[in-house]
Amino acid sequence: MISSVRGLVLSALGSTVVIEVGGVGLAIQVTPTTALSLRQGTEARLATTLIVREDSLTLYGFPGADELAVFELLVGVTGVGPKSALGVLAVLTPNQIAHAVSAEDDGVFRKVSGIGPKTAKLIVLSLAGKLAVTTVASVSGRPVAGTAAAGVQAALIGLGWSERVAAQAVEETLAEAADPDQVGVASLLRLVLARLGPAQQASERRS
């Protein structure tokens, strides 16, 4: 079992990143947010799990142990394959998944491509009692709104911004959104990066 990978990022496109380890480039399946947080030519470390099938060996990578643990729980649910599990984590953070399961809200899972009503209910039933709910707070101390907030904050920190700047930018962007709870990870990340801009990024990294 390959439990983690650390090495030079050779490429990060879509949902696949290639990391060189010991002269070998490993293709790893990740969420779009994770791919966006990794820059070519820099070193990265991902928590990983290897899914073995009759016709394939596929490595899945995550920025932290929480995402990996939730992924492994999801693939244990009947009807949820690795691709669907990764799709859930592309839309929801581990904490948001825990909140949905705790509230028995299967609606959030039905919004994920490839997850039908029956599978969504199975996810809630199967994960009940297995996930801890934590509170994600903004710089002002209020809960951060929006489905993708925590994931985008993590991606921005991975790109080099401070936690303070990342949290503030996400909060301000969500405050301007017509329906914050419907903003996806990828779209929110694009909006926040547009708000920060290259000038602020350069200034933040120099400080």
N, C-alpha and C. Protein backbone atom coordinates (compact mmCIF):
# COMPACT_ATOMS: atom_id res chain seq x y z
N MET A 1 0.85 -1.20 0.00
CA MET A 1 0.00 0.00 0.00
C MET A 1 0.88 1.24 0.00
N ILE A 2 0.57 2.17 -0.90
CA ILE A 2 1.29 3.45 -0.95
C ILE A 2 0.48 4.45 -0.14
N SER A 3 0.94 4.79 1.05
CA SER A 3 0.16 5.64 1.95
C SER A 3 0.43 7.12 1.79
N SER A 4 1.55 7.48 1.17
CA SER A 4 1.84 8.90 0.91
C SER A 4 2.88 9.01 -0.19
N VAL A 5 2.87 10.18 -0.83
CA VAL A 5 3.82 10.46 -1.91
C VAL A 5 4.38 11.86 -1.71
N ARG A 6 5.69 12.00 -1.83
CA ARG A 6 6.31 13.32 -1.75
C ARG A 6 7.35 13.44 -2.85
N GLY A 7 7.27 14.52 -3.60
CA GLY A 7 8.23 14.71 -4.67
C GLY A 7 7.93 15.93 -5.50
N LEU A 8 8.60 16.05 -6.63
CA LEU A 8 8.48 17.20 -7.51
C LEU A 8 7.23 17.07 -8.38
N VAL A 9 6.45 18.15 -8.45
CA VAL A 9 5.26 18.16 -9.30
C VAL A 9 5.69 18.36 -10.75
N LEU A 10 5.44 17.36 -11.58
CA LEU A 10 5.78 17.46 -13.01
C LEU A 10 4.65 18.09 -13.80
N SER A 11 3.42 17.81 -13.41
CA SER A 11 2.25 18.41 -14.06
C SER A 11 1.05 18.31 -13.14
N ALA A 12 0.09 19.21 -13.35
CA ALA A 12 -1.15 19.21 -12.58
C ALA A 12 -2.26 19.72 -13.49
N LEU A 13 -2.93 18.81 -14.15
CA LEU A 13 -3.96 19.17 -15.12
C LEU A 13 -5.27 18.47 -14.80
N GLY A 14 -6.35 19.25 -14.75
CA GLY A 14 -7.66 18.67 -14.49
C GLY A 14 -7.70 17.98 -13.14
N SER A 15 -7.91 16.67 -13.16
CA SER A 15 -7.97 15.91 -11.91
C SER A 15 -6.81 14.92 -11.79
N THR A 16 -5.75 15.15 -12.57
CA THR A 16 -4.58 14.26 -12.51
C THR A 16 -3.31 15.08 -12.29
N VAL A 17 -2.53 14.67 -11.32
CA VAL A 17 -1.22 15.29 -11.11
C VAL A 17 -0.16 14.20 -11.26
N VAL A 18 1.00 14.61 -11.72
CA VAL A 18 2.12 13.68 -11.85
C VAL A 18 3.23 14.17 -10.93
N ILE A 19 3.62 13.33 -9.98
CA ILE A 19 4.67 13.67 -9.02
C ILE A 19 5.82 12.70 -9.20
N GLU A 20 7.02 13.26 -9.32
CA GLU A 20 8.21 12.43 -9.52
C GLU A 20 8.76 11.98 -8.18
N VAL A 21 8.87 10.67 -8.02
CA VAL A 21 9.40 10.09 -6.79
C VAL A 21 10.51 9.11 -7.17
N GLY A 22 11.72 9.42 -6.78
CA GLY A 22 12.84 8.54 -7.09
C GLY A 22 13.05 8.33 -8.58
N GLY A 23 12.80 9.38 -9.36
CA GLY A 23 12.99 9.30 -10.80
C GLY A 23 11.81 8.70 -11.56
N VAL A 24 10.74 8.34 -10.84
CA VAL A 24 9.55 7.76 -11.46
C VAL A 24 8.38 8.74 -11.31
N GLY A 25 7.70 9.03 -12.41
CA GLY A 25 6.54 9.91 -12.36
C GLY A 25 5.28 9.13 -12.05
N LEU A 26 4.65 9.44 -10.92
CA LEU A 26 3.43 8.76 -10.50
C LEU A 26 2.22 9.60 -10.85
N ALA A 27 1.28 9.05 -11.62
CA ALA A 27 0.03 9.73 -11.94
C ALA A 27 -0.95 9.50 -10.79
N ILE A 28 -1.45 10.59 -10.24
CA ILE A 28 -2.33 10.50 -9.07
C ILE A 28 -3.63 11.24 -9.36
N GLN A 29 -4.75 10.60 -9.06
CA GLN A 29 -6.05 11.22 -9.24
C GLN A 29 -6.38 12.07 -8.02
N VAL A 30 -6.75 13.33 -8.26
CA VAL A 30 -7.05 14.26 -7.18
C VAL A 30 -8.30 15.07 -7.53
N THR A 31 -8.77 15.88 -6.60
CA THR A 31 -9.87 16.78 -6.90
C THR A 31 -9.33 17.98 -7.67
N PRO A 32 -10.18 18.70 -8.42
CA PRO A 32 -9.72 19.90 -9.13
C PRO A 32 -9.09 20.94 -8.20
N THR A 33 -9.62 21.06 -6.99
CA THR A 33 -9.06 22.02 -6.04
C THR A 33 -7.64 21.65 -5.66
N THR A 34 -7.40 20.38 -5.42
CA THR A 34 -6.05 19.93 -5.09
C THR A 34 -5.10 20.17 -6.25
N ALA A 35 -5.55 19.87 -7.47
CA ALA A 35 -4.72 20.09 -8.65
C ALA A 35 -4.35 21.56 -8.81
N LEU A 36 -5.32 22.44 -8.55
CA LEU A 36 -5.07 23.87 -8.67
C LEU A 36 -4.09 24.38 -7.60
N SER A 37 -4.04 23.68 -6.47
CA SER A 37 -3.16 24.13 -5.39
C SER A 37 -1.70 23.69 -5.58
N LEU A 38 -1.47 22.79 -6.55
CA LEU A 38 -0.12 22.28 -6.80
C LEU A 38 0.48 22.98 -8.01
N ARG A 39 1.70 23.44 -7.86
CA ARG A 39 2.37 24.15 -8.95
C ARG A 39 3.52 23.33 -9.51
N GLN A 40 3.60 23.30 -10.82
CA GLN A 40 4.66 22.57 -11.50
C GLN A 40 6.03 23.08 -11.06
N GLY A 41 6.92 22.15 -10.76
CA GLY A 41 8.27 22.51 -10.37
C GLY A 41 8.47 22.67 -8.87
N THR A 42 7.39 22.55 -8.09
CA THR A 42 7.51 22.65 -6.64
C THR A 42 7.32 21.27 -6.02
N GLU A 43 7.75 21.14 -4.77
CA GLU A 43 7.60 19.86 -4.08
C GLU A 43 6.22 19.78 -3.44
N ALA A 44 5.64 18.62 -3.46
CA ALA A 44 4.32 18.42 -2.86
C ALA A 44 4.28 17.08 -2.13
N ARG A 45 3.41 17.02 -1.15
CA ARG A 45 3.18 15.76 -0.43
C ARG A 45 1.69 15.50 -0.38
N LEU A 46 1.29 14.29 -0.75
CA LEU A 46 -0.12 13.90 -0.72
C LEU A 46 -0.29 12.61 0.06
N ALA A 47 -1.35 12.55 0.85
CA ALA A 47 -1.75 11.29 1.46
C ALA A 47 -2.43 10.49 0.36
N THR A 48 -2.09 9.23 0.22
CA THR A 48 -2.60 8.46 -0.92
C THR A 48 -3.17 7.10 -0.52
N THR A 49 -3.95 6.57 -1.44
CA THR A 49 -4.43 5.20 -1.32
C THR A 49 -4.44 4.58 -2.71
N LEU A 50 -4.08 3.33 -2.80
CA LEU A 50 -4.01 2.64 -4.08
C LEU A 50 -5.23 1.74 -4.24
N ILE A 51 -6.00 1.98 -5.29
CA ILE A 51 -7.18 1.17 -5.59
C ILE A 51 -6.79 0.15 -6.66
N VAL A 52 -6.92 -1.12 -6.32
CA VAL A 52 -6.52 -2.20 -7.23
C VAL A 52 -7.76 -2.82 -7.87
N ARG A 53 -7.77 -2.83 -9.19
CA ARG A 53 -8.82 -3.49 -9.96
C ARG A 53 -8.17 -4.53 -10.87
N GLU A 54 -8.98 -5.38 -11.46
CA GLU A 54 -8.44 -6.43 -12.33
C GLU A 54 -7.65 -5.85 -13.50
N ASP A 55 -8.11 -4.69 -13.99
CA ASP A 55 -7.47 -4.12 -15.17
C ASP A 55 -6.73 -2.81 -14.91
N SER A 56 -6.59 -2.43 -13.63
CA SER A 56 -5.92 -1.14 -13.36
C SER A 56 -5.41 -1.05 -11.93
N LEU A 57 -4.40 -0.19 -11.77
CA LEU A 57 -3.89 0.21 -10.46
C LEU A 57 -3.96 1.73 -10.45
N THR A 58 -4.82 2.29 -9.61
CA THR A 58 -5.04 3.74 -9.62
C THR A 58 -4.71 4.33 -8.26
N LEU A 59 -3.89 5.37 -8.28
CA LEU A 59 -3.48 6.04 -7.04
C LEU A 59 -4.32 7.30 -6.87
N TYR A 60 -4.91 7.47 -5.70
CA TYR A 60 -5.72 8.64 -5.38
C TYR A 60 -5.01 9.43 -4.29
N GLY A 61 -4.93 10.75 -4.46
CA GLY A 61 -4.18 11.57 -3.51
C GLY A 61 -5.01 12.69 -2.90
N PHE A 62 -4.63 13.07 -1.67
CA PHE A 62 -5.38 14.07 -0.91
C PHE A 62 -4.41 14.94 -0.11
N PRO A 63 -4.77 16.21 0.10
CA PRO A 63 -3.88 17.11 0.83
C PRO A 63 -3.69 16.76 2.29
N GLY A 64 -4.62 16.00 2.87
CA GLY A 64 -4.51 15.65 4.28
C GLY A 64 -5.15 14.32 4.61
N ALA A 65 -4.93 13.88 5.84
CA ALA A 65 -5.46 12.59 6.28
C ALA A 65 -6.98 12.59 6.39
N ASP A 66 -7.58 13.75 6.68
CA ASP A 66 -9.04 13.82 6.82
C ASP A 66 -9.73 13.45 5.50
N GLU A 67 -9.25 14.07 4.40
CA GLU A 67 -9.84 13.78 3.09
C GLU A 67 -9.66 12.31 2.72
N LEU A 68 -8.49 11.78 3.01
CA LEU A 68 -8.22 10.38 2.71
C LEU A 68 -9.15 9.46 3.50
N ALA A 69 -9.34 9.75 4.78
CA ALA A 69 -10.20 8.92 5.63
C ALA A 69 -11.64 8.93 5.13
N VAL A 70 -12.13 10.11 4.74
CA VAL A 70 -13.50 10.22 4.23
C VAL A 70 -13.63 9.49 2.90
N PHE A 71 -12.62 9.62 2.04
CA PHE A 71 -12.63 8.92 0.76
C PHE A 71 -12.76 7.41 0.98
N GLU A 72 -11.99 6.88 1.90
CA GLU A 72 -12.02 5.44 2.15
C GLU A 72 -13.37 5.00 2.74
N LEU A 73 -13.99 5.86 3.53
CA LEU A 73 -15.33 5.55 4.04
C LEU A 73 -16.34 5.56 2.90
N LEU A 74 -16.21 6.53 2.01
CA LEU A 74 -17.16 6.66 0.90
C LEU A 74 -17.09 5.47 -0.05
N VAL A 75 -15.89 5.01 -0.38
CA VAL A 75 -15.78 3.89 -1.31
C VAL A 75 -16.26 2.58 -0.67
N GLY A 76 -16.44 2.60 0.63
CA GLY A 76 -16.98 1.43 1.31
C GLY A 76 -18.50 1.37 1.27
N VAL A 77 -19.13 2.44 0.75
CA VAL A 77 -20.58 2.49 0.65
C VAL A 77 -21.01 1.81 -0.66
N THR A 78 -22.00 0.95 -0.58
CA THR A 78 -22.50 0.26 -1.77
C THR A 78 -22.95 1.27 -2.83
N GLY A 79 -22.43 1.12 -4.03
CA GLY A 79 -22.81 2.02 -5.12
C GLY A 79 -21.91 3.21 -5.30
N VAL A 80 -20.94 3.37 -4.41
CA VAL A 80 -20.01 4.50 -4.51
C VAL A 80 -18.62 3.99 -4.90
N GLY A 81 -18.20 4.29 -6.12
CA GLY A 81 -16.88 3.90 -6.58
C GLY A 81 -15.87 5.00 -6.29
N PRO A 82 -14.60 4.76 -6.56
CA PRO A 82 -13.56 5.77 -6.31
C PRO A 82 -13.82 7.10 -7.03
N LYS A 83 -14.29 7.04 -8.27
CA LYS A 83 -14.54 8.27 -9.02
C LYS A 83 -15.67 9.08 -8.39
N SER A 84 -16.72 8.42 -7.95
CA SER A 84 -17.83 9.12 -7.29
C SER A 84 -17.40 9.68 -5.94
N ALA A 85 -16.60 8.90 -5.21
CA ALA A 85 -16.11 9.36 -3.90
C ALA A 85 -15.26 10.62 -4.07
N LEU A 86 -14.41 10.62 -5.11
CA LEU A 86 -13.59 11.79 -5.38
C LEU A 86 -14.47 12.97 -5.79
N GLY A 87 -15.56 12.67 -6.50
CA GLY A 87 -16.50 13.71 -6.89
C GLY A 87 -17.16 14.36 -5.69
N VAL A 88 -17.47 13.56 -4.67
CA VAL A 88 -18.06 14.11 -3.45
C VAL A 88 -17.07 15.06 -2.78
N LEU A 89 -15.80 14.65 -2.70
CA LEU A 89 -14.79 15.48 -2.05
C LEU A 89 -14.41 16.69 -2.89
N ALA A 90 -14.76 16.67 -4.18
CA ALA A 90 -14.53 17.85 -5.02
C ALA A 90 -15.55 18.94 -4.74
N VAL A 91 -16.69 18.54 -4.18
CA VAL A 91 -17.77 19.49 -3.91
C VAL A 91 -17.88 19.82 -2.42
N LEU A 92 -17.61 18.84 -1.57
CA LEU A 92 -17.78 19.01 -0.13
C LEU A 92 -16.49 18.74 0.62
N THR A 93 -16.24 19.49 1.67
CA THR A 93 -15.10 19.23 2.53
C THR A 93 -15.49 18.12 3.52
N PRO A 94 -14.50 17.49 4.16
CA PRO A 94 -14.83 16.46 5.16
C PRO A 94 -15.78 16.96 6.24
N ASN A 95 -15.59 18.20 6.67
CA ASN A 95 -16.45 18.73 7.72
C ASN A 95 -17.88 18.93 7.23
N GLN A 96 -18.02 19.38 5.98
CA GLN A 96 -19.36 19.56 5.42
C GLN A 96 -20.05 18.22 5.21
N ILE A 97 -19.29 17.21 4.84
CA ILE A 97 -19.84 15.86 4.72
C ILE A 97 -20.32 15.38 6.09
N ALA A 98 -19.50 15.63 7.12
CA ALA A 98 -19.87 15.23 8.49
C ALA A 98 -21.14 15.94 8.94
N HIS A 99 -21.25 17.23 8.62
CA HIS A 99 -22.46 17.98 8.98
C HIS A 99 -23.69 17.39 8.30
N ALA A 100 -23.56 17.08 7.00
CA ALA A 100 -24.69 16.53 6.25
C ALA A 100 -25.12 15.18 6.80
N VAL A 101 -24.14 14.35 7.13
CA VAL A 101 -24.45 13.03 7.69
C VAL A 101 -25.11 13.17 9.06
N SER A 102 -24.57 14.07 9.88
CA SER A 102 -25.12 14.29 11.22
C SER A 102 -26.56 14.79 11.16
N ALA A 103 -26.83 15.65 10.16
CA ALA A 103 -28.18 16.21 10.00
C ALA A 103 -29.09 15.31 9.18
N GLU A 104 -28.56 14.15 8.75
CA GLU A 104 -29.30 13.22 7.90
C GLU A 104 -29.81 13.91 6.64
N ASP A 105 -28.97 14.78 6.09
CA ASP A 105 -29.31 15.55 4.89
C ASP A 105 -28.66 14.90 3.67
N ASP A 106 -29.41 14.05 2.99
CA ASP A 106 -28.85 13.39 1.81
C ASP A 106 -28.94 14.25 0.56
N GLY A 107 -29.61 15.40 0.67
CA GLY A 107 -29.78 16.29 -0.48
C GLY A 107 -28.47 16.81 -1.03
N VAL A 108 -27.50 17.09 -0.15
CA VAL A 108 -26.23 17.64 -0.61
C VAL A 108 -25.47 16.62 -1.46
N PHE A 109 -25.65 15.35 -1.17
CA PHE A 109 -24.96 14.31 -1.94
C PHE A 109 -25.61 14.09 -3.31
N ARG A 110 -26.91 14.34 -3.39
CA ARG A 110 -27.60 14.18 -4.68
C ARG A 110 -27.15 15.22 -5.70
N LYS A 111 -26.54 16.30 -5.22
CA LYS A 111 -26.06 17.34 -6.12
C LYS A 111 -24.76 16.94 -6.81
N VAL A 112 -24.13 15.89 -6.31
CA VAL A 112 -22.86 15.43 -6.88
C VAL A 112 -23.13 14.56 -8.09
N SER A 113 -22.44 14.82 -9.19
CA SER A 113 -22.61 14.03 -10.40
C SER A 113 -22.32 12.55 -10.14
N GLY A 114 -23.26 11.69 -10.55
CA GLY A 114 -23.08 10.26 -10.38
C GLY A 114 -23.67 9.69 -9.11
N ILE A 115 -24.17 10.57 -8.23
CA ILE A 115 -24.78 10.13 -6.97
C ILE A 115 -26.30 10.28 -7.07
N GLY A 116 -27.02 9.16 -7.09
CA GLY A 116 -28.47 9.19 -7.16
C GLY A 116 -29.12 9.23 -5.79
N PRO A 117 -30.44 9.35 -5.73
CA PRO A 117 -31.16 9.43 -4.45
C PRO A 117 -30.90 8.25 -3.52
N LYS A 118 -30.93 7.02 -4.06
CA LYS A 118 -30.71 5.84 -3.22
C LYS A 118 -29.30 5.80 -2.66
N THR A 119 -28.33 6.12 -3.51
CA THR A 119 -26.94 6.12 -3.06
C THR A 119 -26.70 7.22 -2.03
N ALA A 120 -27.33 8.37 -2.23
CA ALA A 120 -27.19 9.48 -1.29
C ALA A 120 -27.69 9.07 0.09
N LYS A 121 -28.82 8.37 0.13
CA LYS A 121 -29.36 7.91 1.42
C LYS A 121 -28.44 6.87 2.04
N LEU A 122 -27.86 6.01 1.22
CA LEU A 122 -26.93 5.00 1.73
C LEU A 122 -25.69 5.65 2.33
N ILE A 123 -25.22 6.72 1.71
CA ILE A 123 -24.05 7.43 2.24
C ILE A 123 -24.34 7.93 3.65
N VAL A 124 -25.50 8.55 3.82
CA VAL A 124 -25.87 9.09 5.13
C VAL A 124 -25.98 7.97 6.16
N LEU A 125 -26.62 6.86 5.78
CA LEU A 125 -26.80 5.75 6.71
C LEU A 125 -25.47 5.07 7.04
N SER A 126 -24.63 4.87 6.02
CA SER A 126 -23.38 4.14 6.21
C SER A 126 -22.35 4.95 7.00
N LEU A 127 -22.36 6.28 6.85
CA LEU A 127 -21.36 7.11 7.51
C LEU A 127 -21.81 7.63 8.87
N ALA A 128 -23.05 7.34 9.25
CA ALA A 128 -23.57 7.82 10.53
C ALA A 128 -22.70 7.35 11.69
N GLY A 129 -22.28 8.29 12.52
CA GLY A 129 -21.47 7.98 13.69
C GLY A 129 -19.99 7.77 13.41
N LYS A 130 -19.58 7.91 12.14
CA LYS A 130 -18.18 7.65 11.79
C LYS A 130 -17.38 8.92 11.52
N LEU A 131 -18.07 10.07 11.50
CA LEU A 131 -17.39 11.33 11.19
C LEU A 131 -17.59 12.34 12.30
N ALA A 132 -16.52 13.07 12.62
CA ALA A 132 -16.60 14.11 13.65
C ALA A 132 -16.88 15.45 13.00
N VAL A 133 -17.78 16.22 13.60
CA VAL A 133 -18.12 17.54 13.08
C VAL A 133 -17.31 18.59 13.82
N THR A 134 -16.63 19.45 13.06
CA THR A 134 -15.89 20.56 13.65
C THR A 134 -16.44 21.86 13.10
N THR A 135 -16.05 22.97 13.70
CA THR A 135 -16.54 24.28 13.27
C THR A 135 -15.45 24.99 12.50
N VAL A 136 -15.77 25.43 11.28
CA VAL A 136 -14.85 26.23 10.48
C VAL A 136 -15.22 27.69 10.66
N ALA A 137 -14.31 28.46 11.22
CA ALA A 137 -14.62 29.86 11.50
C ALA A 137 -13.89 30.79 10.57
N SER A 138 -14.47 31.96 10.36
CA SER A 138 -13.84 32.98 9.53
C SER A 138 -12.95 33.85 10.39
N VAL A 139 -12.28 34.82 9.76
CA VAL A 139 -11.39 35.70 10.52
C VAL A 139 -12.16 36.55 11.51
N SER A 140 -13.45 36.74 11.28
CA SER A 140 -14.25 37.56 12.17
C SER A 140 -14.88 36.73 13.29
N GLY A 141 -14.66 35.40 13.26
CA GLY A 141 -15.21 34.55 14.29
C GLY A 141 -16.55 33.96 13.94
N ARG A 142 -17.16 34.42 12.83
CA ARG A 142 -18.44 33.86 12.40
C ARG A 142 -18.19 32.63 11.54
N PRO A 143 -19.18 31.71 11.46
CA PRO A 143 -18.99 30.55 10.59
C PRO A 143 -18.82 30.99 9.15
N VAL A 144 -17.94 30.33 8.41
CA VAL A 144 -17.74 30.65 7.01
C VAL A 144 -18.84 30.00 6.20
N ALA A 145 -19.61 30.79 5.43
CA ALA A 145 -20.70 30.27 4.63
C ALA A 145 -20.16 29.67 3.34
N GLY A 146 -21.00 28.88 2.69
CA GLY A 146 -20.62 28.36 1.38
C GLY A 146 -20.11 26.93 1.45
N THR A 147 -20.55 26.13 0.54
CA THR A 147 -20.21 24.72 0.52
C THR A 147 -18.72 24.48 0.35
N ALA A 148 -18.03 25.33 -0.44
CA ALA A 148 -16.65 25.06 -0.80
C ALA A 148 -15.63 25.88 -0.01
N ALA A 149 -16.07 26.65 0.98
CA ALA A 149 -15.19 27.61 1.63
C ALA A 149 -13.91 27.00 2.20
N ALA A 150 -14.05 25.96 3.01
CA ALA A 150 -12.87 25.38 3.66
C ALA A 150 -11.89 24.80 2.65
N GLY A 151 -12.43 24.16 1.61
CA GLY A 151 -11.56 23.59 0.59
C GLY A 151 -10.78 24.64 -0.16
N VAL A 152 -11.44 25.75 -0.48
CA VAL A 152 -10.78 26.84 -1.21
C VAL A 152 -9.75 27.51 -0.32
N GLN A 153 -10.05 27.68 0.95
CA GLN A 153 -9.07 28.25 1.88
C GLN A 153 -7.81 27.40 1.91
N ALA A 154 -7.98 26.09 1.97
CA ALA A 154 -6.83 25.18 2.00
C ALA A 154 -6.02 25.29 0.71
N ALA A 155 -6.72 25.42 -0.42
CA ALA A 155 -6.03 25.55 -1.70
C ALA A 155 -5.22 26.84 -1.77
N LEU A 156 -5.79 27.93 -1.27
CA LEU A 156 -5.09 29.23 -1.29
C LEU A 156 -3.85 29.19 -0.40
N ILE A 157 -3.97 28.55 0.75
CA ILE A 157 -2.82 28.43 1.64
C ILE A 157 -1.73 27.61 0.96
N GLY A 158 -2.15 26.56 0.24
CA GLY A 158 -1.20 25.75 -0.51
C GLY A 158 -0.51 26.53 -1.61
N LEU A 159 -1.20 27.54 -2.14
CA LEU A 159 -0.63 28.38 -3.20
C LEU A 159 0.28 29.47 -2.66
N GLY A 160 0.31 29.64 -1.34
CA GLY A 160 1.25 30.59 -0.76
C GLY A 160 0.66 31.75 0.02
N TRP A 161 -0.65 31.92 0.00
CA TRP A 161 -1.24 33.01 0.79
C TRP A 161 -1.33 32.61 2.26
N SER A 162 -1.35 33.61 3.12
CA SER A 162 -1.46 33.32 4.55
C SER A 162 -2.89 32.90 4.87
N GLU A 163 -3.06 32.26 6.01
CA GLU A 163 -4.39 31.82 6.43
C GLU A 163 -5.34 33.00 6.58
N ARG A 164 -4.81 34.11 7.10
CA ARG A 164 -5.64 35.31 7.30
C ARG A 164 -6.16 35.85 5.97
N VAL A 165 -5.27 36.00 5.01
CA VAL A 165 -5.65 36.55 3.70
C VAL A 165 -6.61 35.60 2.99
N ALA A 166 -6.32 34.31 3.07
CA ALA A 166 -7.18 33.32 2.40
C ALA A 166 -8.59 33.34 2.96
N ALA A 167 -8.70 33.33 4.29
CA ALA A 167 -10.01 33.32 4.93
C ALA A 167 -10.80 34.58 4.61
N GLN A 168 -10.12 35.73 4.64
CA GLN A 168 -10.79 37.00 4.36
C GLN A 168 -11.27 37.07 2.91
N ALA A 169 -10.44 36.61 1.98
CA ALA A 169 -10.81 36.65 0.57
C ALA A 169 -12.01 35.75 0.29
N VAL A 170 -12.03 34.56 0.88
CA VAL A 170 -13.15 33.65 0.69
C VAL A 170 -14.43 34.24 1.28
N GLU A 171 -14.32 34.80 2.48
CA GLU A 171 -15.49 35.37 3.14
C GLU A 171 -16.07 36.53 2.33
N GLU A 172 -15.20 37.41 1.83
CA GLU A 172 -15.67 38.56 1.05
C GLU A 172 -16.29 38.13 -0.27
N THR A 173 -15.70 37.11 -0.90
CA THR A 173 -16.24 36.62 -2.16
C THR A 173 -17.61 35.99 -1.97
N LEU A 174 -17.76 35.21 -0.91
CA LEU A 174 -19.05 34.58 -0.63
C LEU A 174 -20.11 35.61 -0.27
N ALA A 175 -19.70 36.68 0.39
CA ALA A 175 -20.64 37.74 0.78
C ALA A 175 -21.25 38.40 -0.45
N GLU A 176 -20.52 38.40 -1.57
CA GLU A 176 -21.00 39.03 -2.80
C GLU A 176 -21.77 38.05 -3.68
N ALA A 177 -21.74 36.76 -3.34
CA ALA A 177 -22.41 35.76 -4.16
C ALA A 177 -23.92 35.80 -3.94
N ALA A 178 -24.67 35.57 -5.01
CA ALA A 178 -26.13 35.60 -4.91
C ALA A 178 -26.64 34.46 -4.04
N ASP A 179 -26.02 33.28 -4.16
CA ASP A 179 -26.42 32.10 -3.37
C ASP A 179 -25.16 31.36 -2.95
N PRO A 180 -24.54 31.76 -1.83
CA PRO A 180 -23.27 31.18 -1.39
C PRO A 180 -23.28 29.66 -1.28
N ASP A 181 -24.40 29.09 -0.84
CA ASP A 181 -24.45 27.64 -0.63
C ASP A 181 -24.41 26.85 -1.93
N GLN A 182 -24.62 27.54 -3.07
CA GLN A 182 -24.62 26.85 -4.35
C GLN A 182 -23.32 27.04 -5.12
N VAL A 183 -22.36 27.75 -4.53
CA VAL A 183 -21.08 27.99 -5.20
C VAL A 183 -20.20 26.76 -5.08
N GLY A 184 -19.73 26.22 -6.20
CA GLY A 184 -18.88 25.05 -6.20
C GLY A 184 -17.43 25.39 -5.89
N VAL A 185 -16.65 24.37 -5.63
CA VAL A 185 -15.24 24.57 -5.28
C VAL A 185 -14.48 25.28 -6.40
N ALA A 186 -14.58 24.74 -7.61
CA ALA A 186 -13.80 25.28 -8.73
C ALA A 186 -14.19 26.73 -9.03
N SER A 187 -15.51 27.00 -9.06
CA SER A 187 -15.95 28.35 -9.39
C SER A 187 -15.58 29.34 -8.29
N LEU A 188 -15.69 28.91 -7.03
CA LEU A 188 -15.32 29.80 -5.92
C LEU A 188 -13.83 30.10 -5.95
N LEU A 189 -13.02 29.08 -6.24
CA LEU A 189 -11.58 29.29 -6.30
C LEU A 189 -11.22 30.29 -7.39
N ARG A 190 -11.87 30.18 -8.55
CA ARG A 190 -11.60 31.13 -9.64
C ARG A 190 -11.97 32.55 -9.22
N LEU A 191 -13.11 32.70 -8.56
CA LEU A 191 -13.56 34.03 -8.12
C LEU A 191 -12.59 34.64 -7.10
N VAL A 192 -12.15 33.80 -6.17
CA VAL A 192 -11.24 34.30 -5.14
C VAL A 192 -9.88 34.68 -5.74
N LEU A 193 -9.38 33.85 -6.66
CA LEU A 193 -8.10 34.16 -7.30
C LEU A 193 -8.19 35.44 -8.11
N ALA A 194 -9.34 35.66 -8.75
CA ALA A 194 -9.54 36.91 -9.49
C ALA A 194 -9.56 38.10 -8.55
N ARG A 195 -10.16 37.90 -7.37
CA ARG A 195 -10.21 38.98 -6.38
C ARG A 195 -8.80 39.31 -5.86
N LEU A 196 -8.03 38.29 -5.55
CA LEU A 196 -6.69 38.51 -5.01
C LEU A 196 -5.77 39.11 -6.06
N GLY A 197 -5.77 38.52 -7.25
CA GLY A 197 -4.96 39.07 -8.34
C GLY A 197 -3.48 38.85 -8.14
N PRO A 198 -2.70 38.90 -9.23
CA PRO A 198 -1.25 38.66 -9.14
C PRO A 198 -0.51 39.70 -8.30
N ALA A 199 -1.01 40.93 -8.30
CA ALA A 199 -0.31 41.98 -7.55
C ALA A 199 -0.37 41.72 -6.06
N GLN A 200 -1.58 41.37 -5.59
CA GLN A 200 -1.73 41.10 -4.16
C GLN A 200 -0.99 39.83 -3.78
N GLN A 201 -0.97 38.86 -4.70
CA GLN A 201 -0.25 37.62 -4.43
C GLN A 201 1.24 37.89 -4.22
N ALA A 202 1.82 38.69 -5.10
CA ALA A 202 3.24 39.01 -5.00
C ALA A 202 3.53 39.76 -3.71
N SER A 203 2.62 40.72 -3.38
CA SER A 203 2.82 41.52 -2.17
C SER A 203 2.73 40.65 -0.94
N GLU A 204 1.73 39.72 -0.93
CA GLU A 204 1.53 38.86 0.23
C GLU A 204 2.73 37.95 0.44
N ARG A 205 3.29 37.42 -0.63
CA ARG A 205 4.41 36.49 -0.50
C ARG A 205 5.69 37.20 -0.10
N ARG A 206 5.79 38.49 -0.43
CA ARG A 206 7.00 39.23 -0.01
C ARG A 206 6.94 39.59 1.46
N SER A 207 5.72 39.72 2.00
CA SER A 207 5.58 40.16 3.39
C SER A 207 5.84 39.03 4.38
